[in-house]
Amino acid sequence: MEEQQNPGYDSTQQQSRNTANESWNQPSHQHNQENKKILAGILAILLGGFGIHKFILGYTQEGIIQIIITVVTCGIGSIIGLIEGIIYLTKSDEEFYQTYQVGKKGWF
């Protein structure tokens, strides 16, 4: 069978048109980082004492330290999570990515 082409388009135009239409479905690097920023920020504010935001960002050692600090200080250490959550959410997406995912800054 012969492949049908849209009238008025040669094969190169048709191929570039198909590629342009398919690109919307590809995962975006920036979009994934934005979701991680928002998730880490909200979890830091709500569950900061448990260090959940640290584990989300891949900081296992810092997450364990956060739990220990919260237990030893009877919950007062959860203020650290609140502060970090506010910092995460106020940074731009690029600044957050460079600081916490490329630069691997574990605290504040």
N, C-alpha and C. Protein backbone atom coordinates (compact mmCIF):
# COMPACT_ATOMS: atom_id res chain seq x y z
N MET A 1 0.84 -1.18 0.00
CA MET A 1 0.00 0.00 0.00
C MET A 1 0.88 1.24 0.00
N GLU A 2 0.36 2.25 -0.56
CA GLU A 2 1.12 3.49 -0.67
C GLU A 2 0.77 4.40 0.50
N GLU A 3 1.78 5.04 1.07
CA GLU A 3 1.59 5.94 2.21
C GLU A 3 0.93 7.22 1.72
N GLN A 4 -0.12 7.64 2.43
CA GLN A 4 -0.80 8.86 2.05
C GLN A 4 -0.08 10.05 2.64
N GLN A 5 0.01 11.09 1.86
CA GLN A 5 0.61 12.33 2.34
C GLN A 5 -0.43 13.43 2.21
N ASN A 6 -0.31 14.41 3.05
CA ASN A 6 -1.20 15.56 2.95
C ASN A 6 -0.87 16.35 1.70
N PRO A 7 -1.88 16.78 0.98
CA PRO A 7 -1.60 17.56 -0.22
C PRO A 7 -0.92 18.88 0.15
N GLY A 8 0.05 19.28 -0.67
CA GLY A 8 0.74 20.54 -0.43
C GLY A 8 1.98 20.41 0.43
N TYR A 9 2.25 19.21 0.96
CA TYR A 9 3.43 19.00 1.79
C TYR A 9 4.32 17.97 1.13
N ASP A 10 5.60 18.23 1.05
CA ASP A 10 6.51 17.19 0.61
C ASP A 10 6.90 16.36 1.83
N SER A 11 7.66 15.31 1.66
CA SER A 11 7.96 14.39 2.77
C SER A 11 8.75 15.08 3.88
N THR A 12 9.62 16.02 3.56
CA THR A 12 10.40 16.74 4.58
C THR A 12 9.49 17.61 5.43
N GLN A 13 8.57 18.31 4.79
CA GLN A 13 7.63 19.14 5.53
C GLN A 13 6.73 18.28 6.41
N GLN A 14 6.28 17.16 5.88
CA GLN A 14 5.41 16.27 6.65
C GLN A 14 6.15 15.72 7.86
N GLN A 15 7.42 15.33 7.67
CA GLN A 15 8.20 14.78 8.77
C GLN A 15 8.43 15.83 9.85
N SER A 16 8.77 17.06 9.47
CA SER A 16 8.99 18.10 10.47
C SER A 16 7.69 18.46 11.17
N ARG A 17 6.59 18.39 10.47
CA ARG A 17 5.28 18.66 11.08
C ARG A 17 4.95 17.58 12.11
N ASN A 18 5.21 16.32 11.77
CA ASN A 18 4.97 15.22 12.72
C ASN A 18 5.85 15.35 13.95
N THR A 19 7.11 15.71 13.74
CA THR A 19 8.05 15.87 14.86
C THR A 19 7.59 16.99 15.78
N ALA A 20 7.13 18.09 15.21
CA ALA A 20 6.65 19.22 16.01
C ALA A 20 5.43 18.83 16.82
N ASN A 21 4.54 18.03 16.22
CA ASN A 21 3.34 17.61 16.93
C ASN A 21 3.64 16.62 18.05
N GLU A 22 4.69 15.82 17.92
CA GLU A 22 5.02 14.83 18.93
C GLU A 22 5.82 15.41 20.09
N SER A 23 6.46 16.55 19.89
CA SER A 23 7.34 17.09 20.93
C SER A 23 6.58 17.55 22.18
N TRP A 24 5.31 17.83 22.09
CA TRP A 24 4.55 18.27 23.27
C TRP A 24 4.46 17.17 24.31
N ASN A 25 4.59 15.93 23.89
CA ASN A 25 4.40 14.80 24.79
C ASN A 25 5.69 14.37 25.49
N GLN A 26 6.80 14.97 25.15
CA GLN A 26 8.08 14.59 25.75
C GLN A 26 8.23 15.22 27.12
N PRO A 27 8.78 14.49 28.10
CA PRO A 27 8.97 15.07 29.43
C PRO A 27 9.96 16.21 29.40
N SER A 28 9.64 17.24 30.13
CA SER A 28 10.49 18.42 30.17
C SER A 28 11.39 18.38 31.39
N HIS A 29 12.68 18.62 31.22
CA HIS A 29 13.64 18.64 32.33
C HIS A 29 13.24 19.72 33.33
N GLN A 30 12.90 20.89 32.84
CA GLN A 30 12.56 22.01 33.72
C GLN A 30 11.28 21.71 34.50
N HIS A 31 10.29 21.11 33.84
CA HIS A 31 9.02 20.82 34.51
C HIS A 31 9.21 19.83 35.66
N ASN A 32 10.04 18.82 35.47
CA ASN A 32 10.32 17.85 36.52
C ASN A 32 10.97 18.52 37.73
N GLN A 33 11.91 19.42 37.50
CA GLN A 33 12.59 20.10 38.60
C GLN A 33 11.63 21.01 39.34
N GLU A 34 10.72 21.65 38.61
CA GLU A 34 9.74 22.52 39.25
C GLU A 34 8.86 21.71 40.19
N ASN A 35 8.43 20.53 39.74
CA ASN A 35 7.60 19.69 40.59
C ASN A 35 8.36 19.26 41.85
N LYS A 36 9.63 18.96 41.73
CA LYS A 36 10.42 18.55 42.88
C LYS A 36 10.57 19.72 43.85
N LYS A 37 10.71 20.92 43.33
CA LYS A 37 10.84 22.12 44.16
C LYS A 37 9.56 22.34 44.96
N ILE A 38 8.43 22.29 44.30
CA ILE A 38 7.15 22.53 44.97
C ILE A 38 6.88 21.43 45.99
N LEU A 39 7.10 20.18 45.60
CA LEU A 39 6.88 19.06 46.51
C LEU A 39 7.77 19.17 47.75
N ALA A 40 9.06 19.44 47.54
CA ALA A 40 9.99 19.56 48.67
C ALA A 40 9.62 20.74 49.55
N GLY A 41 9.22 21.85 48.96
CA GLY A 41 8.85 23.04 49.73
C GLY A 41 7.62 22.81 50.59
N ILE A 42 6.60 22.22 50.02
CA ILE A 42 5.37 21.97 50.78
C ILE A 42 5.61 20.94 51.88
N LEU A 43 6.33 19.87 51.56
CA LEU A 43 6.62 18.86 52.58
C LEU A 43 7.51 19.41 53.69
N ALA A 44 8.42 20.32 53.35
CA ALA A 44 9.28 20.93 54.37
C ALA A 44 8.45 21.76 55.33
N ILE A 45 7.46 22.48 54.82
CA ILE A 45 6.62 23.30 55.68
C ILE A 45 5.71 22.43 56.54
N LEU A 46 5.10 21.42 55.94
CA LEU A 46 4.12 20.61 56.68
C LEU A 46 4.76 19.52 57.54
N LEU A 47 5.79 18.86 57.03
CA LEU A 47 6.40 17.73 57.73
C LEU A 47 7.90 17.92 57.91
N GLY A 48 8.33 19.15 58.07
CA GLY A 48 9.75 19.47 58.14
C GLY A 48 10.50 18.75 59.23
N GLY A 49 9.85 18.51 60.34
CA GLY A 49 10.52 17.84 61.45
C GLY A 49 10.92 16.41 61.15
N PHE A 50 10.23 15.79 60.21
CA PHE A 50 10.54 14.41 59.85
C PHE A 50 11.58 14.33 58.73
N GLY A 51 11.98 15.47 58.19
CA GLY A 51 13.01 15.49 57.16
C GLY A 51 12.60 14.91 55.82
N ILE A 52 11.30 14.80 55.59
CA ILE A 52 10.82 14.19 54.35
C ILE A 52 11.36 14.94 53.13
N HIS A 53 11.42 16.26 53.22
CA HIS A 53 11.92 17.05 52.09
C HIS A 53 13.37 16.74 51.78
N LYS A 54 14.14 16.37 52.78
CA LYS A 54 15.55 16.00 52.56
C LYS A 54 15.63 14.70 51.75
N PHE A 55 14.79 13.74 52.11
CA PHE A 55 14.79 12.46 51.40
C PHE A 55 14.33 12.65 49.95
N ILE A 56 13.35 13.53 49.71
CA ILE A 56 12.86 13.81 48.36
C ILE A 56 13.99 14.34 47.49
N LEU A 57 14.84 15.19 48.06
CA LEU A 57 15.94 15.79 47.30
C LEU A 57 17.17 14.89 47.25
N GLY A 58 17.13 13.73 47.91
CA GLY A 58 18.24 12.79 47.86
C GLY A 58 19.27 12.97 48.95
N TYR A 59 18.95 13.72 49.99
CA TYR A 59 19.86 13.94 51.11
C TYR A 59 19.49 13.02 52.26
N THR A 60 19.87 11.77 52.17
CA THR A 60 19.49 10.78 53.18
C THR A 60 20.13 11.08 54.53
N GLN A 61 21.40 11.37 54.55
CA GLN A 61 22.09 11.65 55.82
C GLN A 61 21.48 12.87 56.51
N GLU A 62 21.23 13.93 55.75
CA GLU A 62 20.63 15.13 56.33
C GLU A 62 19.21 14.87 56.83
N GLY A 63 18.48 14.00 56.13
CA GLY A 63 17.13 13.64 56.57
C GLY A 63 17.14 12.92 57.91
N ILE A 64 18.06 12.01 58.08
CA ILE A 64 18.19 11.29 59.35
C ILE A 64 18.59 12.24 60.46
N ILE A 65 19.53 13.15 60.17
CA ILE A 65 19.93 14.14 61.17
C ILE A 65 18.75 15.02 61.56
N GLN A 66 17.92 15.39 60.58
CA GLN A 66 16.74 16.23 60.86
C GLN A 66 15.78 15.51 61.80
N ILE A 67 15.56 14.23 61.58
CA ILE A 67 14.69 13.45 62.47
C ILE A 67 15.26 13.42 63.88
N ILE A 68 16.54 13.17 64.01
CA ILE A 68 17.19 13.11 65.33
C ILE A 68 17.08 14.46 66.04
N ILE A 69 17.34 15.55 65.32
CA ILE A 69 17.24 16.89 65.92
C ILE A 69 15.83 17.14 66.43
N THR A 70 14.83 16.77 65.64
CA THR A 70 13.44 16.99 66.03
C THR A 70 13.08 16.18 67.26
N VAL A 71 13.52 14.93 67.33
CA VAL A 71 13.21 14.08 68.48
C VAL A 71 13.92 14.60 69.73
N VAL A 72 15.19 14.94 69.62
CA VAL A 72 15.97 15.40 70.77
C VAL A 72 15.43 16.72 71.31
N THR A 73 14.97 17.61 70.43
CA THR A 73 14.48 18.92 70.87
C THR A 73 12.97 18.94 71.09
N CYS A 74 12.36 17.77 71.14
CA CYS A 74 10.90 17.64 71.37
C CYS A 74 10.09 18.44 70.34
N GLY A 75 10.50 18.41 69.11
CA GLY A 75 9.74 19.04 68.03
C GLY A 75 10.20 20.43 67.64
N ILE A 76 11.01 21.06 68.45
CA ILE A 76 11.46 22.42 68.13
C ILE A 76 12.33 22.43 66.87
N GLY A 77 13.01 21.34 66.60
CA GLY A 77 13.85 21.25 65.40
C GLY A 77 13.07 21.31 64.11
N SER A 78 11.75 21.14 64.18
CA SER A 78 10.94 21.22 62.96
C SER A 78 10.89 22.64 62.40
N ILE A 79 11.31 23.62 63.19
CA ILE A 79 11.39 25.00 62.68
C ILE A 79 12.37 25.06 61.51
N ILE A 80 13.40 24.23 61.54
CA ILE A 80 14.37 24.18 60.43
C ILE A 80 13.64 23.83 59.13
N GLY A 81 12.76 22.84 59.19
CA GLY A 81 12.00 22.46 58.00
C GLY A 81 11.11 23.57 57.51
N LEU A 82 10.48 24.29 58.42
CA LEU A 82 9.62 25.41 58.04
C LEU A 82 10.44 26.48 57.29
N ILE A 83 11.58 26.81 57.84
CA ILE A 83 12.45 27.82 57.20
C ILE A 83 12.91 27.33 55.83
N GLU A 84 13.34 26.07 55.75
CA GLU A 84 13.80 25.54 54.47
C GLU A 84 12.68 25.50 53.44
N GLY A 85 11.48 25.16 53.86
CA GLY A 85 10.35 25.14 52.94
C GLY A 85 10.08 26.50 52.34
N ILE A 86 10.14 27.53 53.16
CA ILE A 86 9.94 28.89 52.67
C ILE A 86 11.06 29.27 51.70
N ILE A 87 12.28 28.91 52.04
CA ILE A 87 13.42 29.20 51.14
C ILE A 87 13.24 28.48 49.80
N TYR A 88 12.86 27.20 49.83
CA TYR A 88 12.67 26.44 48.60
C TYR A 88 11.64 27.11 47.69
N LEU A 89 10.52 27.50 48.27
CA LEU A 89 9.42 28.03 47.47
C LEU A 89 9.68 29.45 46.96
N THR A 90 10.57 30.19 47.60
CA THR A 90 10.84 31.55 47.15
C THR A 90 11.96 31.62 46.11
N LYS A 91 12.70 30.56 45.93
CA LYS A 91 13.76 30.54 44.91
C LYS A 91 13.14 30.32 43.53
N SER A 92 13.81 30.84 42.50
CA SER A 92 13.37 30.55 41.13
C SER A 92 13.68 29.08 40.84
N ASP A 93 13.05 28.56 39.81
CA ASP A 93 13.26 27.15 39.46
C ASP A 93 14.72 26.86 39.15
N GLU A 94 15.34 27.74 38.37
CA GLU A 94 16.74 27.54 37.99
C GLU A 94 17.66 27.65 39.20
N GLU A 95 17.39 28.63 40.06
CA GLU A 95 18.22 28.81 41.25
C GLU A 95 18.09 27.61 42.19
N PHE A 96 16.87 27.10 42.35
CA PHE A 96 16.64 25.91 43.17
C PHE A 96 17.41 24.72 42.61
N TYR A 97 17.30 24.52 41.30
CA TYR A 97 17.97 23.40 40.65
C TYR A 97 19.49 23.49 40.83
N GLN A 98 20.05 24.66 40.59
CA GLN A 98 21.50 24.83 40.71
C GLN A 98 21.98 24.67 42.15
N THR A 99 21.22 25.16 43.10
CA THR A 99 21.65 25.13 44.50
C THR A 99 21.49 23.75 45.13
N TYR A 100 20.32 23.14 44.98
CA TYR A 100 20.01 21.93 45.74
C TYR A 100 20.17 20.63 44.97
N GLN A 101 20.19 20.70 43.64
CA GLN A 101 20.32 19.46 42.89
C GLN A 101 21.65 19.34 42.16
N VAL A 102 22.18 20.42 41.70
CA VAL A 102 23.51 20.38 41.08
C VAL A 102 24.56 20.62 42.15
N GLY A 103 24.37 21.67 42.96
CA GLY A 103 25.35 22.04 43.98
C GLY A 103 25.30 21.17 45.23
N LYS A 104 24.23 20.40 45.39
CA LYS A 104 24.06 19.50 46.54
C LYS A 104 24.24 20.21 47.89
N LYS A 105 23.58 21.34 48.05
CA LYS A 105 23.62 22.07 49.32
C LYS A 105 22.58 21.43 50.25
N GLY A 106 23.04 20.82 51.33
CA GLY A 106 22.16 20.06 52.20
C GLY A 106 21.34 20.86 53.19
N TRP A 107 21.86 21.98 53.65
CA TRP A 107 21.17 22.76 54.68
C TRP A 107 21.00 24.20 54.22
N PHE A 108 19.84 24.74 54.47
CA PHE A 108 19.48 26.13 54.15
C PHE A 108 20.01 26.49 52.79
